Amino acid sequence: KVKFARNSETGEAVAIKILDKDKVLKHKMAEQIKREIATMKLIRHPHVVQLYEVLASKTKIFIVLEFVTG
């Protein structure tokens, strides 16, 4: 799922991609998610969505991304 959020300090709009850890492991996508995060950390380009932060809880992974309309 992807949710819309707003940075409480700056007011900047962001998108939060929420992944369920159980589903990631069940579908054997752990390596794919790790690769996606590692790649997005390296890339800084105006035509690619920017990764701001990655957070995790016991059951979920939260990936904070640049919000892009359209």
C-alpha atoms as a PDB file:
ATOM      1  CA  LYS A   1       0.000   0.000   0.000  1.00  0.00           C
ATOM      2  CA  VAL A   2       1.083   3.559  -0.622  1.00  0.00           C
ATOM      3  CA  LYS A   3      -0.231   6.336   1.597  1.00  0.00           C
ATOM      4  CA  PHE A   4      -0.034  10.114   1.330  1.00  0.00           C
ATOM      5  CA  ALA A   5       1.618  11.913   4.262  1.00  0.00           C
ATOM      6  CA  ARG A   6       2.937  15.333   5.123  1.00  0.00           C
ATOM      7  CA  ASN A   7       6.190  16.087   6.957  1.00  0.00           C
ATOM      8  CA  SER A   8       5.109  17.714  10.228  1.00  0.00           C
ATOM      9  CA  GLU A   9       8.230  19.906  10.416  1.00  0.00           C
ATOM     10  CA  THR A  10       8.480  21.174   6.828  1.00  0.00           C
ATOM     11  CA  GLY A  11       4.960  20.566   5.510  1.00  0.00           C
ATOM     12  CA  GLU A  12       6.409  18.725   2.503  1.00  0.00           C
ATOM     13  CA  ALA A  13       4.158  16.079   0.902  1.00  0.00           C
ATOM     14  CA  VAL A  14       5.569  12.529   0.825  1.00  0.00           C
ATOM     15  CA  ALA A  15       4.394   9.056  -0.155  1.00  0.00           C
ATOM     16  CA  ILE A  16       4.849   6.196   2.302  1.00  0.00           C
ATOM     17  CA  LYS A  17       5.089   2.707   0.827  1.00  0.00           C
ATOM     18  CA  ILE A  18       4.000   0.197   3.488  1.00  0.00           C
ATOM     19  CA  LEU A  19       5.102  -3.426   3.114  1.00  0.00           C
ATOM     20  CA  ASP A  20       3.998  -6.299   5.340  1.00  0.00           C
ATOM     21  CA  LYS A  21       7.099  -8.275   6.395  1.00  0.00           C
ATOM     22  CA  ASP A  22       5.172 -11.571   6.487  1.00  0.00           C
ATOM     23  CA  LYS A  23       3.997 -11.140   2.875  1.00  0.00           C
ATOM     24  CA  VAL A  24       7.491 -10.142   1.721  1.00  0.00           C
ATOM     25  CA  LEU A  25       8.950 -13.313   3.250  1.00  0.00           C
ATOM     26  CA  LYS A  26       6.027 -15.492   2.080  1.00  0.00           C
ATOM     27  CA  HIS A  27       6.494 -14.400  -1.546  1.00  0.00           C
ATOM     28  CA  LYS A  28      10.310 -14.605  -1.263  1.00  0.00           C
ATOM     29  CA  MET A  29      10.733 -10.924  -2.136  1.00  0.00           C
ATOM     30  CA  ALA A  30      13.197  -9.959   0.634  1.00  0.00           C
ATOM     31  CA  GLU A  31      16.173  -9.727  -1.738  1.00  0.00           C
ATOM     32  CA  GLN A  32      14.141  -7.722  -4.264  1.00  0.00           C
ATOM     33  CA  ILE A  33      13.085  -5.204  -1.576  1.00  0.00           C
ATOM     34  CA  LYS A  34      16.673  -4.894  -0.294  1.00  0.00           C
ATOM     35  CA  ARG A  35      17.896  -4.309  -3.853  1.00  0.00           C
ATOM     36  CA  GLU A  36      15.170  -1.703  -4.491  1.00  0.00           C
ATOM     37  CA  ILE A  37      16.142   0.215  -1.338  1.00  0.00           C
ATOM     38  CA  ALA A  38      19.881   0.013  -2.058  1.00  0.00           C
ATOM     39  CA  THR A  39      19.402   1.216  -5.645  1.00  0.00           C
ATOM     40  CA  MET A  40      17.103   4.076  -4.686  1.00  0.00           C
ATOM     41  CA  LYS A  41      19.591   5.269  -2.038  1.00  0.00           C
ATOM     42  CA  LEU A  42      22.235   5.650  -4.755  1.00  0.00           C
ATOM     43  CA  ILE A  43      20.156   7.383  -7.435  1.00  0.00           C
ATOM     44  CA  ARG A  44      19.690  11.165  -7.478  1.00  0.00           C
ATOM     45  CA  HIS A  45      17.954  12.164 -10.718  1.00  0.00           C
ATOM     46  CA  PRO A  46      15.075  14.565 -11.469  1.00  0.00           C
ATOM     47  CA  HIS A  47      13.117  11.851 -13.349  1.00  0.00           C
ATOM     48  CA  VAL A  48      13.411   9.193 -10.610  1.00  0.00           C
ATOM     49  CA  VAL A  49      11.396   9.212  -7.373  1.00  0.00           C
ATOM     50  CA  GLN A  50      13.727  10.016  -4.485  1.00  0.00           C
ATOM     51  CA  LEU A  51      13.992   7.835  -1.391  1.00  0.00           C
ATOM     52  CA  TYR A  52      13.978   9.865   1.834  1.00  0.00           C
ATOM     53  CA  GLU A  53      13.884   7.280   4.618  1.00  0.00           C
ATOM     54  CA  VAL A  54      13.360   3.595   5.426  1.00  0.00           C
ATOM     55  CA  LEU A  55      11.783   2.615   8.751  1.00  0.00           C
ATOM     56  CA  ALA A  56      10.707  -0.737  10.138  1.00  0.00           C
ATOM     57  CA  SER A  57       8.533  -2.107  12.919  1.00  0.00           C
ATOM     58  CA  LYS A  58       8.086  -5.722  13.969  1.00  0.00           C
ATOM     59  CA  THR A  59       5.517  -6.367  11.237  1.00  0.00           C
ATOM     60  CA  LYS A  60       5.890  -3.596   8.628  1.00  0.00           C
ATOM     61  CA  ILE A  61       8.488  -1.838   6.474  1.00  0.00           C
ATOM     62  CA  PHE A  62       7.873   1.867   5.758  1.00  0.00           C
ATOM     63  CA  ILE A  63       9.614   3.441   2.765  1.00  0.00           C
ATOM     64  CA  VAL A  64       9.282   7.244   2.652  1.00  0.00           C
ATOM     65  CA  LEU A  65       9.417   8.527  -0.934  1.00  0.00           C
ATOM     66  CA  GLU A  66       9.093  11.776  -2.819  1.00  0.00           C
ATOM     67  CA  PHE A  67       5.422  12.482  -3.608  1.00  0.00           C
ATOM     68  CA  VAL A  68       4.753  12.793  -7.335  1.00  0.00           C
ATOM     69  CA  THR A  69       1.350  13.661  -8.787  1.00  0.00           C
ATOM     70  CA  GLY A  70       0.059  11.869 -11.865  1.00  0.00           C
END
